[in-house]
Amino acid sequence: MEQGLDNFHTEAIPDPAIDDSSQPGCMRFLIDILETLVLSVLLFIGINAVSARIRVDGSSMEPSLHSGEFIIVNRLAYKFGSPDHGDVVVFDFPRDPEQEYIKRIIGLPGDHIQVLDSKVYINDKILNEPYIAAAPRYQGNWDVPDKNLFVLGDNRNNSSDSHSWGPVPIENVIGKALFIYWPPENWGVVTSPETVVAAPYP
């Protein structure tokens, strides 16, 4: 007696080799960890490409900045703009590029700087300086060369700066100081107050 083919039924049986539910749970966990690490590295590289974090060492920028504070520095500030009077900048020390200094820009290329009778002049105009610790006790005249900056510490009488070793090449500038982020009680913006109208930066 023949049995009709219509009486046979087939049923699909999952292949254990390709069943997602059979994959170990730790494999998915390891993949998630790897993705997180890769994204973290890319984020870290991106942040460091546009900013730097530096520690203030010494008292040369008091009372504006204090030793031990940590600062966020904008590396792109002068890629899309120009330095300005009053900016606080981090730069490689011209006499030893392994050292990083932080000072305030006083003179731009073409400016004539004079310190006389405890006052600073830019192109014969008195510099208004609400941020300094005390008036400078030294005197001098300086002409700022092309592609250079004249920088001073806010703690004028306790600062190694342009008045003692000369101008800073603009190419040495790492970036503009933006924000104090540590310690938390000192959080705040690093100010660049209006100074005087001097020769425009070319």
C-alpha atoms as a PDB file:
ATOM      1  CA  MET A   1       0.000   0.000   0.000  1.00  0.00           C
ATOM      2  CA  GLU A   2       1.490   3.328  -1.027  1.00  0.00           C
ATOM      3  CA  GLN A   3       1.615   6.183   1.420  1.00  0.00           C
ATOM      4  CA  GLY A   4       0.937   9.599  -0.143  1.00  0.00           C
ATOM      5  CA  LEU A   5       3.590  12.263   0.022  1.00  0.00           C
ATOM      6  CA  ASP A   6       0.959  14.615   1.401  1.00  0.00           C
ATOM      7  CA  ASN A   7       1.141  12.748   4.682  1.00  0.00           C
ATOM      8  CA  PHE A   8       4.783  13.719   5.298  1.00  0.00           C
ATOM      9  CA  HIS A   9       5.593  16.929   7.242  1.00  0.00           C
ATOM     10  CA  THR A  10       8.952  18.693   7.544  1.00  0.00           C
ATOM     11  CA  GLU A  11      10.126  20.959  10.333  1.00  0.00           C
ATOM     12  CA  ALA A  12      13.115  23.364  10.227  1.00  0.00           C
ATOM     13  CA  ILE A  13      15.660  22.636  12.924  1.00  0.00           C
ATOM     14  CA  PRO A  14      17.962  25.532  13.912  1.00  0.00           C
ATOM     15  CA  ASP A  15      21.642  25.036  13.167  1.00  0.00           C
ATOM     16  CA  PRO A  16      23.454  25.300  16.500  1.00  0.00           C
ATOM     17  CA  ALA A  17      26.499  26.705  14.705  1.00  0.00           C
ATOM     18  CA  ILE A  18      24.678  29.890  13.633  1.00  0.00           C
ATOM     19  CA  ASP A  19      22.181  30.306  16.440  1.00  0.00           C
ATOM     20  CA  ASP A  20      22.881  33.735  17.995  1.00  0.00           C
ATOM     21  CA  SER A  21      21.331  32.641  21.259  1.00  0.00           C
ATOM     22  CA  SER A  22      24.028  29.998  21.631  1.00  0.00           C
ATOM     23  CA  GLN A  23      26.901  32.555  21.561  1.00  0.00           C
ATOM     24  CA  PRO A  24      28.514  33.024  24.967  1.00  0.00           C
ATOM     25  CA  GLY A  25      27.297  36.157  26.743  1.00  0.00           C
ATOM     26  CA  CYS A  26      30.884  37.120  27.538  1.00  0.00           C
ATOM     27  CA  MET A  27      31.673  37.538  23.818  1.00  0.00           C
ATOM     28  CA  ARG A  28      29.103  40.323  23.456  1.00  0.00           C
ATOM     29  CA  PHE A  29      30.421  41.865  26.667  1.00  0.00           C
ATOM     30  CA  LEU A  30      34.005  41.840  25.361  1.00  0.00           C
ATOM     31  CA  ILE A  31      32.914  43.465  22.104  1.00  0.00           C
ATOM     32  CA  ASP A  32      31.123  46.215  24.043  1.00  0.00           C
ATOM     33  CA  ILE A  33      34.240  46.807  26.137  1.00  0.00           C
ATOM     34  CA  LEU A  34      36.427  46.986  23.014  1.00  0.00           C
ATOM     35  CA  GLU A  35      34.089  49.477  21.340  1.00  0.00           C
ATOM     36  CA  THR A  36      34.074  51.631  24.477  1.00  0.00           C
ATOM     37  CA  LEU A  37      37.878  51.605  24.648  1.00  0.00           C
ATOM     38  CA  VAL A  38      38.244  52.562  20.988  1.00  0.00           C
ATOM     39  CA  LEU A  39      35.762  55.426  21.358  1.00  0.00           C
ATOM     40  CA  SER A  40      37.526  56.597  24.528  1.00  0.00           C
ATOM     41  CA  VAL A  41      40.906  56.646  22.772  1.00  0.00           C
ATOM     42  CA  LEU A  42      39.488  58.559  19.805  1.00  0.00           C
ATOM     43  CA  LEU A  43      37.817  61.044  22.159  1.00  0.00           C
ATOM     44  CA  PHE A  44      41.065  61.481  24.111  1.00  0.00           C
ATOM     45  CA  ILE A  45      43.035  62.114  20.907  1.00  0.00           C
ATOM     46  CA  GLY A  46      40.411  64.593  19.711  1.00  0.00           C
ATOM     47  CA  ILE A  47      40.380  66.517  22.991  1.00  0.00           C
ATOM     48  CA  ASN A  48      44.185  66.716  23.052  1.00  0.00           C
ATOM     49  CA  ALA A  49      44.245  67.964  19.472  1.00  0.00           C
ATOM     50  CA  VAL A  50      42.240  71.067  20.413  1.00  0.00           C
ATOM     51  CA  SER A  51      43.210  71.595  24.052  1.00  0.00           C
ATOM     52  CA  ALA A  52      45.932  71.022  26.620  1.00  0.00           C
ATOM     53  CA  ARG A  53      45.955  70.801  30.388  1.00  0.00           C
ATOM     54  CA  ILE A  54      48.835  72.427  32.227  1.00  0.00           C
ATOM     55  CA  ARG A  55      49.795  72.886  35.856  1.00  0.00           C
ATOM     56  CA  VAL A  56      50.816  76.332  37.070  1.00  0.00           C
ATOM     57  CA  ASP A  57      54.228  76.070  38.707  1.00  0.00           C
ATOM     58  CA  GLY A  58      55.427  79.100  40.633  1.00  0.00           C
ATOM     59  CA  SER A  59      54.119  82.516  41.626  1.00  0.00           C
ATOM     60  CA  SER A  60      54.939  84.568  38.507  1.00  0.00           C
ATOM     61  CA  MET A  61      51.266  84.942  37.498  1.00  0.00           C
ATOM     62  CA  GLU A  62      49.852  85.803  40.924  1.00  0.00           C
ATOM     63  CA  PRO A  63      47.317  87.077  41.813  1.00  0.00           C
ATOM     64  CA  SER A  64      45.632  85.856  38.597  1.00  0.00           C
ATOM     65  CA  LEU A  65      46.950  82.285  38.734  1.00  0.00           C
ATOM     66  CA  HIS A  66      48.384  80.372  41.668  1.00  0.00           C
ATOM     67  CA  SER A  67      50.947  77.602  41.872  1.00  0.00           C
ATOM     68  CA  GLY A  68      49.316  74.161  41.753  1.00  0.00           C
ATOM     69  CA  GLU A  69      46.271  75.229  39.746  1.00  0.00           C
ATOM     70  CA  PHE A  70      45.416  73.295  36.585  1.00  0.00           C
ATOM     71  CA  ILE A  71      44.457  75.194  33.438  1.00  0.00           C
ATOM     72  CA  ILE A  72      42.643  74.287  30.216  1.00  0.00           C
ATOM     73  CA  VAL A  73      44.518  75.715  27.216  1.00  0.00           C
ATOM     74  CA  ASN A  74      42.931  76.279  23.802  1.00  0.00           C
ATOM     75  CA  ARG A  75      45.405  75.022  21.185  1.00  0.00           C
ATOM     76  CA  LEU A  76      43.305  76.368  18.299  1.00  0.00           C
ATOM     77  CA  ALA A  77      42.956  79.939  19.582  1.00  0.00           C
ATOM     78  CA  TYR A  78      45.566  81.312  17.205  1.00  0.00           C
ATOM     79  CA  LYS A  79      44.928  78.906  14.344  1.00  0.00           C
ATOM     80  CA  PHE A  80      41.750  80.843  13.580  1.00  0.00           C
ATOM     81  CA  GLY A  81      42.585  84.152  15.245  1.00  0.00           C
ATOM     82  CA  SER A  82      45.447  86.405  16.282  1.00  0.00           C
ATOM     83  CA  PRO A  83      47.082  87.043  19.662  1.00  0.00           C
ATOM     84  CA  ASP A  84      45.809  90.117  21.467  1.00  0.00           C
ATOM     85  CA  HIS A  85      47.001  92.391  24.247  1.00  0.00           C
ATOM     86  CA  GLY A  86      46.096  90.899  27.622  1.00  0.00           C
ATOM     87  CA  ASP A  87      45.812  87.260  26.498  1.00  0.00           C
ATOM     88  CA  VAL A  88      47.337  84.738  28.901  1.00  0.00           C
ATOM     89  CA  VAL A  89      49.316  82.233  26.856  1.00  0.00           C
ATOM     90  CA  VAL A  90      51.294  79.046  27.351  1.00  0.00           C
ATOM     91  CA  PHE A  91      54.464  78.730  25.272  1.00  0.00           C
ATOM     92  CA  ASP A  92      57.721  76.852  24.921  1.00  0.00           C
ATOM     93  CA  PHE A  93      60.472  78.856  26.611  1.00  0.00           C
ATOM     94  CA  PRO A  94      62.710  80.193  23.793  1.00  0.00           C
ATOM     95  CA  ARG A  95      65.917  79.314  25.660  1.00  0.00           C
ATOM     96  CA  ASP A  96      64.758  75.808  26.555  1.00  0.00           C
ATOM     97  CA  PRO A  97      61.822  74.444  24.484  1.00  0.00           C
ATOM     98  CA  GLU A  98      61.464  71.579  26.974  1.00  0.00           C
ATOM     99  CA  GLN A  99      60.058  74.080  29.490  1.00  0.00           C
ATOM    100  CA  GLU A 100      56.536  75.516  29.226  1.00  0.00           C
ATOM    101  CA  TYR A 101      55.866  79.022  30.538  1.00  0.00           C
ATOM    102  CA  ILE A 102      52.600  80.859  31.136  1.00  0.00           C
ATOM    103  CA  LYS A 103      52.543  84.681  30.883  1.00  0.00           C
ATOM    104  CA  ARG A 104      50.377  87.575  29.717  1.00  0.00           C
ATOM    105  CA  ILE A 105      50.825  89.209  26.302  1.00  0.00           C
ATOM    106  CA  ILE A 106      51.828  92.850  26.680  1.00  0.00           C
ATOM    107  CA  GLY A 107      53.265  93.636  23.248  1.00  0.00           C
ATOM    108  CA  LEU A 108      52.401  92.496  19.722  1.00  0.00           C
ATOM    109  CA  PRO A 109      54.665  92.652  16.644  1.00  0.00           C
ATOM    110  CA  GLY A 110      55.593  96.262  15.925  1.00  0.00           C
ATOM    111  CA  ASP A 111      54.735  97.554  19.419  1.00  0.00           C
ATOM    112  CA  HIS A 112      57.140  99.690  21.415  1.00  0.00           C
ATOM    113  CA  ILE A 113      57.117  98.745  25.105  1.00  0.00           C
ATOM    114  CA  GLN A 114      58.453 101.003  27.817  1.00  0.00           C
ATOM    115  CA  VAL A 115      58.542 100.518  31.575  1.00  0.00           C
ATOM    116  CA  LEU A 116      59.135 103.823  33.342  1.00  0.00           C
ATOM    117  CA  ASP A 117      58.312 105.132  36.813  1.00  0.00           C
ATOM    118  CA  SER A 118      56.474 101.918  37.769  1.00  0.00           C
ATOM    119  CA  LYS A 119      54.199 102.116  34.714  1.00  0.00           C
ATOM    120  CA  VAL A 120      54.055 100.102  31.495  1.00  0.00           C
ATOM    121  CA  TYR A 121      53.507 101.923  28.202  1.00  0.00           C
ATOM    122  CA  ILE A 122      52.465 100.463  24.859  1.00  0.00           C
ATOM    123  CA  ASN A 123      53.273 102.846  22.010  1.00  0.00           C
ATOM    124  CA  ASP A 124      53.403 105.731  24.509  1.00  0.00           C
ATOM    125  CA  LYS A 125      50.013 104.859  26.034  1.00  0.00           C
ATOM    126  CA  ILE A 126      49.772 103.791  29.663  1.00  0.00           C
ATOM    127  CA  LEU A 127      48.696 100.199  30.161  1.00  0.00           C
ATOM    128  CA  ASN A 128      45.786  99.770  32.570  1.00  0.00           C
ATOM    129  CA  GLU A 129      46.655  96.734  34.680  1.00  0.00           C
ATOM    130  CA  PRO A 130      44.068  95.793  37.323  1.00  0.00           C
ATOM    131  CA  TYR A 131      45.454  92.242  37.429  1.00  0.00           C
ATOM    132  CA  ILE A 132      49.055  92.824  38.626  1.00  0.00           C
ATOM    133  CA  ALA A 133      50.395  92.058  42.099  1.00  0.00           C
ATOM    134  CA  ALA A 134      52.457  95.269  42.309  1.00  0.00           C
ATOM    135  CA  ALA A 135      53.913  97.906  40.010  1.00  0.00           C
ATOM    136  CA  PRO A 136      57.215  96.940  38.361  1.00  0.00           C
ATOM    137  CA  ARG A 137      60.399  98.162  40.015  1.00  0.00           C
ATOM    138  CA  TYR A 138      62.486  97.850  36.835  1.00  0.00           C
ATOM    139  CA  GLN A 139      62.780 100.075  33.766  1.00  0.00           C
ATOM    140  CA  GLY A 140      63.470  99.492  30.085  1.00  0.00           C
ATOM    141  CA  ASN A 141      62.544  99.925  26.424  1.00  0.00           C
ATOM    142  CA  TRP A 142      61.792  97.166  23.951  1.00  0.00           C
ATOM    143  CA  ASP A 143      60.686  97.016  20.311  1.00  0.00           C
ATOM    144  CA  VAL A 144      58.737  93.842  19.542  1.00  0.00           C
ATOM    145  CA  PRO A 145      60.064  92.162  16.361  1.00  0.00           C
ATOM    146  CA  ASP A 146      57.869  90.738  13.625  1.00  0.00           C
ATOM    147  CA  LYS A 147      56.332  87.341  14.463  1.00  0.00           C
ATOM    148  CA  ASN A 148      57.154  87.774  18.147  1.00  0.00           C
ATOM    149  CA  LEU A 149      55.335  88.650  21.378  1.00  0.00           C
ATOM    150  CA  PHE A 150      56.403  90.548  24.483  1.00  0.00           C
ATOM    151  CA  VAL A 151      55.110  88.797  27.601  1.00  0.00           C
ATOM    152  CA  LEU A 152      55.193  89.614  31.306  1.00  0.00           C
ATOM    153  CA  GLY A 153      54.069  87.820  34.446  1.00  0.00           C
ATOM    154  CA  ASP A 154      51.322  89.471  36.503  1.00  0.00           C
ATOM    155  CA  ASN A 155      53.612  89.239  39.522  1.00  0.00           C
ATOM    156  CA  ARG A 156      55.891  91.770  37.844  1.00  0.00           C
ATOM    157  CA  ASN A 157      58.727  91.765  40.350  1.00  0.00           C
ATOM    158  CA  ASN A 158      58.870  87.976  40.684  1.00  0.00           C
ATOM    159  CA  SER A 159      58.671  86.801  37.080  1.00  0.00           C
ATOM    160  CA  SER A 160      61.154  85.526  34.515  1.00  0.00           C
ATOM    161  CA  ASP A 161      59.747  87.015  31.313  1.00  0.00           C
ATOM    162  CA  SER A 162      60.420  89.195  28.264  1.00  0.00           C
ATOM    163  CA  HIS A 163      61.807  92.068  30.317  1.00  0.00           C
ATOM    164  CA  SER A 164      64.771  89.853  31.240  1.00  0.00           C
ATOM    165  CA  TRP A 165      65.234  87.453  28.296  1.00  0.00           C
ATOM    166  CA  GLY A 166      63.445  89.012  25.331  1.00  0.00           C
ATOM    167  CA  PRO A 167      60.452  88.312  23.075  1.00  0.00           C
ATOM    168  CA  VAL A 168      58.712  85.000  22.376  1.00  0.00           C
ATOM    169  CA  PRO A 169      58.369  83.751  18.776  1.00  0.00           C
ATOM    170  CA  ILE A 170      54.686  83.295  17.963  1.00  0.00           C
ATOM    171  CA  GLU A 171      55.504  79.804  16.693  1.00  0.00           C
ATOM    172  CA  ASN A 172      56.442  78.870  20.281  1.00  0.00           C
ATOM    173  CA  VAL A 173      52.924  79.574  21.555  1.00  0.00           C
ATOM    174  CA  ILE A 174      51.020  76.412  22.503  1.00  0.00           C
ATOM    175  CA  GLY A 175      47.693  78.119  23.103  1.00  0.00           C
ATOM    176  CA  LYS A 176      45.577  80.545  25.083  1.00  0.00           C
ATOM    177  CA  ALA A 177      44.725  79.843  28.728  1.00  0.00           C
ATOM    178  CA  LEU A 178      40.949  79.537  29.095  1.00  0.00           C
ATOM    179  CA  PHE A 179      39.804  78.048  32.362  1.00  0.00           C
ATOM    180  CA  ILE A 180      41.021  77.060  35.820  1.00  0.00           C
ATOM    181  CA  TYR A 181      39.554  73.599  36.472  1.00  0.00           C
ATOM    182  CA  TRP A 182      41.439  72.479  39.573  1.00  0.00           C
ATOM    183  CA  PRO A 183      41.123  72.806  42.499  1.00  0.00           C
ATOM    184  CA  PRO A 184      37.319  73.102  42.316  1.00  0.00           C
ATOM    185  CA  GLU A 185      37.162  76.061  44.697  1.00  0.00           C
ATOM    186  CA  ASN A 186      39.279  78.056  42.209  1.00  0.00           C
ATOM    187  CA  TRP A 187      37.173  77.298  39.123  1.00  0.00           C
ATOM    188  CA  GLY A 188      36.968  80.275  36.835  1.00  0.00           C
ATOM    189  CA  VAL A 189      37.722  81.843  33.469  1.00  0.00           C
ATOM    190  CA  VAL A 190      41.221  83.167  32.829  1.00  0.00           C
ATOM    191  CA  THR A 191      40.485  86.791  31.999  1.00  0.00           C
ATOM    192  CA  SER A 192      41.964  88.852  29.176  1.00  0.00           C
ATOM    193  CA  PRO A 193      40.945  92.395  30.139  1.00  0.00           C
ATOM    194  CA  GLU A 194      40.845  95.298  27.720  1.00  0.00           C
ATOM    195  CA  THR A 195      44.120  97.173  27.891  1.00  0.00           C
ATOM    196  CA  VAL A 196      44.878 100.084  25.585  1.00  0.00           C
ATOM    197  CA  VAL A 197      44.490 100.753  21.888  1.00  0.00           C
ATOM    198  CA  ALA A 198      47.915  99.998  20.457  1.00  0.00           C
ATOM    199  CA  ALA A 199      49.334  99.263  17.018  1.00  0.00           C
ATOM    200  CA  PRO A 200      47.075  96.711  15.267  1.00  0.00           C
ATOM    201  CA  TYR A 201      48.452  93.237  14.775  1.00  0.00           C
ATOM    202  CA  PRO A 202      49.179  92.781  11.029  1.00  0.00           C
END
